[in-house]
Structures are given as C-alpha cells and as structure tokens.
Amino acid sequence: MTEEKHDWVHLADALLELNQARLEKDATAACYAQSTAYGFAAAGRIPTERRGRAYFVRRSDLPLIASRLPLGRRRRAAVPAV
C-alpha cells in the first residue's frame, strides 16, 4: 500500500507565498490578511489541518485558498487639510 505524501505548509508561510506572487505582478496590489485567513481556517471556510495551535495547508490547495480569501485594502496615509 502506497502512502500519499502531502506537502504541508504553515498557514502563515502559505499566505506569504500568495502575497509575494501577487506583489511580483503588481507592486501596489492588495494582499491577503493573516487575521482573515486564521478566521476562515477556524470557521472551516478554507481547507486546513490543525496541529496543536498551528494551522497547516496543502501546497496544492493554495489556488483554492486564494480564491476563497478576500483581499485586504491598502490604507492611504491621512493627509491633513490645509
């Protein structure tokens, strides 16, 4: 019997990879927020496996996770009125 080998990645590292890929294409692109991803993971809205306090995802699930997570908004610096 063959055992499937899955390439598991910590959720924070997966988000880093997804955000880097977005920023390579467009330096001003909106990114995925870790707090949102952890909330989605806790609610079961993205495929994750919890090991202790950490969440892990399969590398093959990264496109699915990217499609389910909303993108964050870039905040502009407040310009004081003159």
PDB file of N, CA and C in Angstrom:
ATOM      1  N   MET A   1       0.837  -1.173   0.000  1.00  0.00           N
ATOM      2  CA  MET A   1       0.000   0.000   0.000  1.00  0.00           C
ATOM      3  C   MET A   1       0.888   1.244   0.000  1.00  0.00           C
ATOM      4  N   THR A   2       0.614   2.127  -0.948  1.00  0.00           N
ATOM      5  CA  THR A   2       1.432   3.337  -1.023  1.00  0.00           C
ATOM      6  C   THR A   2       0.836   4.422  -0.148  1.00  0.00           C
ATOM      7  N   GLU A   3       1.703   5.168   0.449  1.00  0.00           N
ATOM      8  CA  GLU A   3       1.270   6.249   1.315  1.00  0.00           C
ATOM      9  C   GLU A   3       1.385   7.560   0.543  1.00  0.00           C
ATOM     10  N   GLU A   4       0.304   8.335   0.543  1.00  0.00           N
ATOM     11  CA  GLU A   4       0.345   9.623  -0.129  1.00  0.00           C
ATOM     12  C   GLU A   4       1.209  10.580   0.669  1.00  0.00           C
ATOM     13  N   LYS A   5       2.044  11.296  -0.033  1.00  0.00           N
ATOM     14  CA  LYS A   5       2.891  12.277   0.629  1.00  0.00           C
ATOM     15  C   LYS A   5       2.357  13.665   0.283  1.00  0.00           C
ATOM     16  N   HIS A   6       1.969  14.397   1.295  1.00  0.00           N
ATOM     17  CA  HIS A   6       1.427  15.733   1.091  1.00  0.00           C
ATOM     18  C   HIS A   6       2.467  16.760   1.512  1.00  0.00           C
ATOM     19  N   ASP A   7       2.543  17.807   0.748  1.00  0.00           N
ATOM     20  CA  ASP A   7       3.466  18.884   1.054  1.00  0.00           C
ATOM     21  C   ASP A   7       2.726  19.909   1.914  1.00  0.00           C
ATOM     22  N   TRP A   8       2.840  19.798   3.211  1.00  0.00           N
ATOM     23  CA  TRP A   8       2.142  20.672   4.140  1.00  0.00           C
ATOM     24  C   TRP A   8       2.957  21.928   4.389  1.00  0.00           C
ATOM     25  N   VAL A   9       2.265  23.068   4.461  1.00  0.00           N
ATOM     26  CA  VAL A   9       2.894  24.360   4.686  1.00  0.00           C
ATOM     27  C   VAL A   9       2.129  25.056   5.807  1.00  0.00           C
ATOM     28  N   HIS A  10       2.838  25.729   6.685  1.00  0.00           N
ATOM     29  CA  HIS A  10       2.196  26.512   7.735  1.00  0.00           C
ATOM     30  C   HIS A  10       1.362  27.602   7.061  1.00  0.00           C
ATOM     31  N   LEU A  11       0.215  27.924   7.627  1.00  0.00           N
ATOM     32  CA  LEU A  11      -0.697  28.892   7.023  1.00  0.00           C
ATOM     33  C   LEU A  11      -0.029  30.250   6.812  1.00  0.00           C
ATOM     34  N   ALA A  12       0.779  30.693   7.757  1.00  0.00           N
ATOM     35  CA  ALA A  12       1.464  31.983   7.614  1.00  0.00           C
ATOM     36  C   ALA A  12       2.426  31.959   6.434  1.00  0.00           C
ATOM     37  N   ASP A  13       3.136  30.848   6.243  1.00  0.00           N
ATOM     38  CA  ASP A  13       4.057  30.725   5.110  1.00  0.00           C
ATOM     39  C   ASP A  13       3.295  30.655   3.786  1.00  0.00           C
ATOM     40  N   ALA A  14       2.142  30.010   3.799  1.00  0.00           N
ATOM     41  CA  ALA A  14       1.318  29.938   2.590  1.00  0.00           C
ATOM     42  C   ALA A  14       0.842  31.329   2.187  1.00  0.00           C
ATOM     43  N   LEU A  15       0.424  32.122   3.168  1.00  0.00           N
ATOM     44  CA  LEU A  15      -0.008  33.488   2.871  1.00  0.00           C
ATOM     45  C   LEU A  15       1.145  34.335   2.351  1.00  0.00           C
ATOM     46  N   LEU A  16       2.322  34.116   2.899  1.00  0.00           N
ATOM     47  CA  LEU A  16       3.497  34.827   2.424  1.00  0.00           C
ATOM     48  C   LEU A  16       3.747  34.516   0.949  1.00  0.00           C
ATOM     49  N   GLU A  17       3.650  33.238   0.576  1.00  0.00           N
ATOM     50  CA  GLU A  17       3.840  32.848  -0.826  1.00  0.00           C
ATOM     51  C   GLU A  17       2.783  33.473  -1.722  1.00  0.00           C
ATOM     52  N   LEU A  18       1.520  33.436  -1.288  1.00  0.00           N
ATOM     53  CA  LEU A  18       0.443  34.010  -2.089  1.00  0.00           C
ATOM     54  C   LEU A  18       0.620  35.516  -2.255  1.00  0.00           C
ATOM     55  N   ASN A  19       0.976  36.199  -1.182  1.00  0.00           N
ATOM     56  CA  ASN A  19       1.160  37.651  -1.254  1.00  0.00           C
ATOM     57  C   ASN A  19       2.364  38.024  -2.111  1.00  0.00           C
ATOM     58  N   GLN A  20       3.453  37.267  -2.004  1.00  0.00           N
ATOM     59  CA  GLN A  20       4.625  37.546  -2.830  1.00  0.00           C
ATOM     60  C   GLN A  20       4.306  37.381  -4.306  1.00  0.00           C
ATOM     61  N   ALA A  21       3.532  36.359  -4.638  1.00  0.00           N
ATOM     62  CA  ALA A  21       3.152  36.141  -6.041  1.00  0.00           C
ATOM     63  C   ALA A  21       2.302  37.306  -6.550  1.00  0.00           C
ATOM     64  N   ARG A  22       1.391  37.821  -5.708  1.00  0.00           N
ATOM     65  CA  ARG A  22       0.567  38.966  -6.115  1.00  0.00           C
ATOM     66  C   ARG A  22       1.415  40.217  -6.290  1.00  0.00           C
ATOM     67  N   LEU A  23       2.358  40.441  -5.377  1.00  0.00           N
ATOM     68  CA  LEU A  23       3.175  41.648  -5.429  1.00  0.00           C
ATOM     69  C   LEU A  23       4.202  41.617  -6.552  1.00  0.00           C
ATOM     70  N   GLU A  24       4.604  40.426  -7.005  1.00  0.00           N
ATOM     71  CA  GLU A  24       5.507  40.338  -8.154  1.00  0.00           C
ATOM     72  C   GLU A  24       4.825  40.850  -9.418  1.00  0.00           C
ATOM     73  N   LYS A  25       3.525  40.593  -9.527  1.00  0.00           N
ATOM     74  CA  LYS A  25       2.773  41.032 -10.698  1.00  0.00           C
ATOM     75  C   LYS A  25       2.434  42.515 -10.626  1.00  0.00           C
ATOM     76  N   ASP A  26       2.117  43.006  -9.430  1.00  0.00           N
ATOM     77  CA  ASP A  26       1.708  44.394  -9.237  1.00  0.00           C
ATOM     78  C   ASP A  26       2.146  44.830  -7.845  1.00  0.00           C
ATOM     79  N   ALA A  27       3.062  45.788  -7.799  1.00  0.00           N
ATOM     80  CA  ALA A  27       3.633  46.214  -6.521  1.00  0.00           C
ATOM     81  C   ALA A  27       2.623  46.920  -5.623  1.00  0.00           C
ATOM     82  N   THR A  28       1.514  47.377  -6.179  1.00  0.00           N
ATOM     83  CA  THR A  28       0.511  48.078  -5.369  1.00  0.00           C
ATOM     84  C   THR A  28      -0.734  47.220  -5.140  1.00  0.00           C
ATOM     85  N   ALA A  29      -0.629  45.933  -5.388  1.00  0.00           N
ATOM     86  CA  ALA A  29      -1.783  45.037  -5.246  1.00  0.00           C
ATOM     87  C   ALA A  29      -2.169  44.863  -3.778  1.00  0.00           C
ATOM     88  N   ALA A  30      -3.435  44.611  -3.568  1.00  0.00           N
ATOM     89  CA  ALA A  30      -3.922  44.312  -2.223  1.00  0.00           C
ATOM     90  C   ALA A  30      -3.483  42.898  -1.853  1.00  0.00           C
ATOM     91  N   CYS A  31      -3.263  42.669  -0.565  1.00  0.00           N
ATOM     92  CA  CYS A  31      -2.765  41.372  -0.099  1.00  0.00           C
ATOM     93  C   CYS A  31      -3.780  40.684   0.806  1.00  0.00           C
ATOM     94  N   TYR A  32      -3.504  39.420   1.089  1.00  0.00           N
ATOM     95  CA  TYR A  32      -4.337  38.640   1.995  1.00  0.00           C
ATOM     96  C   TYR A  32      -3.881  38.904   3.423  1.00  0.00           C
ATOM     97  N   ALA A  33      -4.817  39.134   4.321  1.00  0.00           N
ATOM     98  CA  ALA A  33      -4.505  39.416   5.722  1.00  0.00           C
ATOM     99  C   ALA A  33      -4.451  38.120   6.519  1.00  0.00           C
ATOM    100  N   GLN A  34      -3.474  38.009   7.413  1.00  0.00           N
ATOM    101  CA  GLN A  34      -3.347  36.808   8.239  1.00  0.00           C
ATOM    102  C   GLN A  34      -4.530  36.646   9.172  1.00  0.00           C
ATOM    103  N   SER A  35      -5.019  37.736   9.723  1.00  0.00           N
ATOM    104  CA  SER A  35      -6.131  37.627  10.660  1.00  0.00           C
ATOM    105  C   SER A  35      -7.373  37.074   9.965  1.00  0.00           C
ATOM    106  N   THR A  36      -7.616  37.485   8.744  1.00  0.00           N
ATOM    107  CA  THR A  36      -8.755  36.973   7.985  1.00  0.00           C
ATOM    108  C   THR A  36      -8.561  35.498   7.668  1.00  0.00           C
ATOM    109  N   ALA A  37      -7.354  35.126   7.269  1.00  0.00           N
ATOM    110  CA  ALA A  37      -7.079  33.728   6.926  1.00  0.00           C
ATOM    111  C   ALA A  37      -7.253  32.817   8.140  1.00  0.00           C
ATOM    112  N   TYR A  38      -6.786  33.258   9.299  1.00  0.00           N
ATOM    113  CA  TYR A  38      -6.948  32.444  10.501  1.00  0.00           C
ATOM    114  C   TYR A  38      -8.418  32.342  10.899  1.00  0.00           C
ATOM    115  N   GLY A  39      -9.173  33.403  10.711  1.00  0.00           N
ATOM    116  CA  GLY A  39     -10.607  33.343  10.980  1.00  0.00           C
ATOM    117  C   GLY A  39     -11.319  32.383  10.052  1.00  0.00           C
ATOM    118  N   PHE A  40     -10.962  32.415   8.762  1.00  0.00           N
ATOM    119  CA  PHE A  40     -11.541  31.491   7.785  1.00  0.00           C
ATOM    120  C   PHE A  40     -11.144  30.052   8.110  1.00  0.00           C
ATOM    121  N   ALA A  41      -9.912  29.850   8.555  1.00  0.00           N
ATOM    122  CA  ALA A  41      -9.450  28.499   8.901  1.00  0.00           C
ATOM    123  C   ALA A  41     -10.212  27.967  10.111  1.00  0.00           C
ATOM    124  N   ALA A  42     -10.403  28.804  11.114  1.00  0.00           N
ATOM    125  CA  ALA A  42     -11.113  28.379  12.321  1.00  0.00           C
ATOM    126  C   ALA A  42     -12.574  28.057  12.022  1.00  0.00           C
ATOM    127  N   ALA A  43     -13.156  28.770  11.059  1.00  0.00           N
ATOM    128  CA  ALA A  43     -14.556  28.549  10.697  1.00  0.00           C
ATOM    129  C   ALA A  43     -14.729  27.415   9.685  1.00  0.00           C
ATOM    130  N   GLY A  44     -13.627  26.894   9.165  1.00  0.00           N
ATOM    131  CA  GLY A  44     -13.711  25.808   8.198  1.00  0.00           C
ATOM    132  C   GLY A  44     -14.012  26.267   6.777  1.00  0.00           C
ATOM    133  N   ARG A  45     -13.772  27.537   6.492  1.00  0.00           N
ATOM    134  CA  ARG A  45     -14.071  28.061   5.167  1.00  0.00           C
ATOM    135  C   ARG A  45     -12.939  27.842   4.171  1.00  0.00           C
ATOM    136  N   ILE A  46     -11.759  27.501   4.659  1.00  0.00           N
ATOM    137  CA  ILE A  46     -10.648  27.107   3.785  1.00  0.00           C
ATOM    138  C   ILE A  46     -10.114  25.776   4.300  1.00  0.00           C
ATOM    139  N   PRO A  47      -9.591  24.936   3.397  1.00  0.00           N
ATOM    140  CA  PRO A  47      -9.109  23.613   3.826  1.00  0.00           C
ATOM    141  C   PRO A  47      -7.800  23.711   4.608  1.00  0.00           C
ATOM    142  N   THR A  48      -7.846  23.363   5.878  1.00  0.00           N
ATOM    143  CA  THR A  48      -6.664  23.392   6.736  1.00  0.00           C
ATOM    144  C   THR A  48      -6.665  22.164   7.632  1.00  0.00           C
ATOM    145  N   GLU A  49      -5.517  21.901   8.196  1.00  0.00           N
ATOM    146  CA  GLU A  49      -5.397  20.876   9.235  1.00  0.00           C
ATOM    147  C   GLU A  49      -4.766  21.545  10.435  1.00  0.00           C
ATOM    148  N   ARG A  50      -5.380  21.367  11.572  1.00  0.00           N
ATOM    149  CA  ARG A  50      -4.860  21.982  12.781  1.00  0.00           C
ATOM    150  C   ARG A  50      -4.005  20.980  13.529  1.00  0.00           C
ATOM    151  N   ARG A  51      -2.804  21.409  13.866  1.00  0.00           N
ATOM    152  CA  ARG A  51      -1.878  20.606  14.657  1.00  0.00           C
ATOM    153  C   ARG A  51      -1.457  21.446  15.854  1.00  0.00           C
ATOM    154  N   GLY A  52      -2.045  21.137  16.983  1.00  0.00           N
ATOM    155  CA  GLY A  52      -1.786  21.952  18.168  1.00  0.00           C
ATOM    156  C   GLY A  52      -2.427  23.314  17.986  1.00  0.00           C
ATOM    157  N   ARG A  53      -1.623  24.351  18.080  1.00  0.00           N
ATOM    158  CA  ARG A  53      -2.137  25.710  17.898  1.00  0.00           C
ATOM    159  C   ARG A  53      -1.966  26.213  16.476  1.00  0.00           C
ATOM    160  N   ALA A  54      -1.277  25.451  15.643  1.00  0.00           N
ATOM    161  CA  ALA A  54      -0.945  25.906  14.291  1.00  0.00           C
ATOM    162  C   ALA A  54      -1.873  25.301  13.242  1.00  0.00           C
ATOM    163  N   TYR A  55      -2.078  26.065  12.171  1.00  0.00           N
ATOM    164  CA  TYR A  55      -2.844  25.591  11.023  1.00  0.00           C
ATOM    165  C   TYR A  55      -1.884  25.320   9.875  1.00  0.00           C
ATOM    166  N   PHE A  56      -2.114  24.202   9.189  1.00  0.00           N
ATOM    167  CA  PHE A  56      -1.312  23.829   8.036  1.00  0.00           C
ATOM    168  C   PHE A  56      -2.223  23.617   6.845  1.00  0.00           C
ATOM    169  N   VAL A  57      -1.698  23.922   5.652  1.00  0.00           N
ATOM    170  CA  VAL A  57      -2.442  23.733   4.407  1.00  0.00           C
ATOM    171  C   VAL A  57      -1.582  22.936   3.438  1.00  0.00           C
ATOM    172  N   ARG A  58      -2.246  22.267   2.518  1.00  0.00           N
ATOM    173  CA  ARG A  58      -1.512  21.576   1.455  1.00  0.00           C
ATOM    174  C   ARG A  58      -1.102  22.597   0.409  1.00  0.00           C
ATOM    175  N   ARG A  59       0.100  22.455  -0.084  1.00  0.00           N
ATOM    176  CA  ARG A  59       0.575  23.363  -1.130  1.00  0.00           C
ATOM    177  C   ARG A  59      -0.335  23.305  -2.355  1.00  0.00           C
ATOM    178  N   SER A  60      -0.905  22.143  -2.625  1.00  0.00           N
ATOM    179  CA  SER A  60      -1.790  22.001  -3.784  1.00  0.00           C
ATOM    180  C   SER A  60      -3.113  22.745  -3.593  1.00  0.00           C
ATOM    181  N   ASP A  61      -3.461  23.113  -2.351  1.00  0.00           N
ATOM    182  CA  ASP A  61      -4.692  23.849  -2.073  1.00  0.00           C
ATOM    183  C   ASP A  61      -4.517  25.366  -2.131  1.00  0.00           C
ATOM    184  N   LEU A  62      -3.322  25.852  -2.411  1.00  0.00           N
ATOM    185  CA  LEU A  62      -3.088  27.299  -2.418  1.00  0.00           C
ATOM    186  C   LEU A  62      -3.990  28.045  -3.410  1.00  0.00           C
ATOM    187  N   PRO A  63      -4.197  27.550  -4.643  1.00  0.00           N
ATOM    188  CA  PRO A  63      -5.114  28.274  -5.542  1.00  0.00           C
ATOM    189  C   PRO A  63      -6.542  28.332  -4.996  1.00  0.00           C
ATOM    190  N   LEU A  64      -6.995  27.265  -4.369  1.00  0.00           N
ATOM    191  CA  LEU A  64      -8.331  27.245  -3.776  1.00  0.00           C
ATOM    192  C   LEU A  64      -8.430  28.244  -2.633  1.00  0.00           C
ATOM    193  N   ILE A  65      -7.411  28.291  -1.801  1.00  0.00           N
ATOM    194  CA  ILE A  65      -7.391  29.226  -0.675  1.00  0.00           C
ATOM    195  C   ILE A  65      -7.383  30.667  -1.193  1.00  0.00           C
ATOM    196  N   ALA A  66      -6.597  30.925  -2.229  1.00  0.00           N
ATOM    197  CA  ALA A  66      -6.545  32.274  -2.795  1.00  0.00           C
ATOM    198  C   ALA A  66      -7.902  32.695  -3.358  1.00  0.00           C
ATOM    199  N   SER A  67      -8.645  31.746  -3.899  1.00  0.00           N
ATOM    200  CA  SER A  67      -9.950  32.097  -4.464  1.00  0.00           C
ATOM    201  C   SER A  67     -10.998  32.342  -3.378  1.00  0.00           C
ATOM    202  N   ARG A  68     -10.822  31.766  -2.210  1.00  0.00           N
ATOM    203  CA  ARG A  68     -11.817  31.917  -1.139  1.00  0.00           C
ATOM    204  C   ARG A  68     -11.539  33.085  -0.204  1.00  0.00           C
ATOM    205  N   LEU A  69     -10.292  33.503  -0.096  1.00  0.00           N
ATOM    206  CA  LEU A  69      -9.968  34.599   0.821  1.00  0.00           C
ATOM    207  C   LEU A  69     -10.208  35.952   0.161  1.00  0.00           C
ATOM    208  N   PRO A  70     -10.794  36.894   0.899  1.00  0.00           N
ATOM    209  CA  PRO A  70     -10.933  38.242   0.343  1.00  0.00           C
ATOM    210  C   PRO A  70      -9.599  38.972   0.424  1.00  0.00           C
ATOM    211  N   LEU A  71      -9.414  39.900  -0.478  1.00  0.00           N
ATOM    212  CA  LEU A  71      -8.202  40.702  -0.461  1.00  0.00           C
ATOM    213  C   LEU A  71      -8.393  41.890   0.465  1.00  0.00           C
ATOM    214  N   GLY A  72      -7.311  42.246   1.141  1.00  0.00           N
ATOM    215  CA  GLY A  72      -7.360  43.403   2.022  1.00  0.00           C
ATOM    216  C   GLY A  72      -7.267  44.684   1.214  1.00  0.00           C
ATOM    217  N   ARG A  73      -7.543  45.779   1.862  1.00  0.00           N
ATOM    218  CA  ARG A  73      -7.446  47.082   1.205  1.00  0.00           C
ATOM    219  C   ARG A  73      -6.208  47.798   1.706  1.00  0.00           C
ATOM    220  N   ARG A  74      -5.587  48.514   0.819  1.00  0.00           N
ATOM    221  CA  ARG A  74      -4.450  49.346   1.218  1.00  0.00           C
ATOM    222  C   ARG A  74      -4.988  50.630   1.804  1.00  0.00           C
ATOM    223  N   ARG A  75      -4.461  51.004   2.924  1.00  0.00           N
ATOM    224  CA  ARG A  75      -4.896  52.252   3.551  1.00  0.00           C
ATOM    225  C   ARG A  75      -3.974  53.379   3.114  1.00  0.00           C
ATOM    226  N   ARG A  76      -4.576  54.455   2.778  1.00  0.00           N
ATOM    227  CA  ARG A  76      -3.782  55.621   2.379  1.00  0.00           C
ATOM    228  C   ARG A  76      -3.450  56.435   3.616  1.00  0.00           C
ATOM    229  N   ALA A  77      -2.317  57.064   3.586  1.00  0.00           N
ATOM    230  CA  ALA A  77      -1.928  57.925   4.700  1.00  0.00           C
ATOM    231  C   ALA A  77      -2.855  59.132   4.732  1.00  0.00           C
ATOM    232  N   ALA A  78      -3.292  59.474   5.899  1.00  0.00           N
ATOM    233  CA  ALA A  78      -4.182  60.619   6.046  1.00  0.00           C
ATOM    234  C   ALA A  78      -3.409  61.903   5.772  1.00  0.00           C
ATOM    235  N   VAL A  79      -3.966  62.706   4.897  1.00  0.00           N
ATOM    236  CA  VAL A  79      -3.345  63.977   4.580  1.00  0.00           C
ATOM    237  C   VAL A  79      -4.136  65.069   5.296  1.00  0.00           C
ATOM    238  N   PRO A  80      -3.492  65.796   6.188  1.00  0.00           N
ATOM    239  CA  PRO A  80      -4.235  66.825   6.927  1.00  0.00           C
ATOM    240  C   PRO A  80      -4.722  67.941   5.987  1.00  0.00           C
ATOM    241  N   ALA A  81      -5.925  68.439   6.270  1.00  0.00           N
ATOM    242  CA  ALA A  81      -6.473  69.531   5.475  1.00  0.00           C
ATOM    243  C   ALA A  81      -5.688  70.790   5.750  1.00  0.00           C
ATOM    244  N   VAL A  82      -5.451  71.563   4.708  1.00  0.00           N
ATOM    245  CA  VAL A  82      -4.659  72.790   4.835  1.00  0.00           C
ATOM    246  C   VAL A  82      -5.559  73.964   5.032  1.00  0.00           C
TER     247      VAL A  82
END
